[in-house]
Amino acid sequence: MHMFSLSIPLSLRREEWYSPWIFGNITTAMLRKEGTATIEELGRAPLPTEFGDWTYIVFGDLAHGKQHEVLVFGDASKDMLYEEADDILVRVHSSCRTSEIFHAVNCECREQLHSSMSFIRQEGRGVIVYLDQEGRGNGIVGKLAQLNKMFGWKSQEIEQKQDISSGEPMNTVKAYKESGYLPEVRDFNVAGEILKILGVRSVKLLTNNPQKIEGIASVGIGVKPVEIHITPANEIIAIDLQSKARNLKHKISEEHWKTNKS
């Protein structure tokens, strides 16, 4: 059994529910003061999937109290991923239970994950780093607040609310801000640290998000960004893609936020 001496008050545990990024910042400082490593591998196993055979690895993130998951395409039962750990095709993906488990239709997270696994299978090697950073790092409670700002019930059906200030449909960025949350608080350095532990030296990163590129590069891993675009299935997702491009500087052009019906 692995033990460490850090004692976390219950008040901080409660803070983790509502503001997980604040909890992570506090505990990171406490762990570093003790000289405790913040990321460690907890185990690995073979995993057959619809997208081929992978090695499933779990890492413990002591600073944030999370368990992050990794999929390595093929047999990674040894310490090193591949003989040559350069230019590995990588997707850093954050958990989205509403989309990936419950098939919610207000985001493209499930499609991005499946497309990334398919691309890696075609490549013949690659890694999915699946971070437990729900709601862009704001947690489940933060996501609930965002969803309440974006949607409401009308005649037993859900409709998208309007942004009062602009008259446009409410988007995720504005919904988080109006709920008292930040629209992006994920820690992508964690993904970089995990990749370093796996022996990765440089990556072809499947992303449109400049913050992911910066986070991976900040730990000394070479990054070649590879844009990944999903045709939005509905207007809700199309509006959200526009918001990502305009407010978060994601590399998404107008042609990529047109829906199948456009």
Foldseek 3Di string as FASTA:
>chain_A
DDDDDDDDDVVLVVVCAQALLVQLVVQVVVCVVVVHDQKDWDDWDWDQDPLGIWIKTWMHGNSRRDIKIKTKHDDPVDLARDPDQAAAAEEEAEDECCCCPVNDQLACRNVQVVVSSNVCSVVVTHMYTYHDCYQLNRHPVLVVQLVVQQWDDDPNDIDGDADVVPRHTDESQVSSVVSVHHNHSDQLLVVLVVSVSNVHAEYAYAFQAVVNVCSNVVVRHHYRYDYDADARADLSHLVHLVCCCPPRVGPADNVRSHHPVD
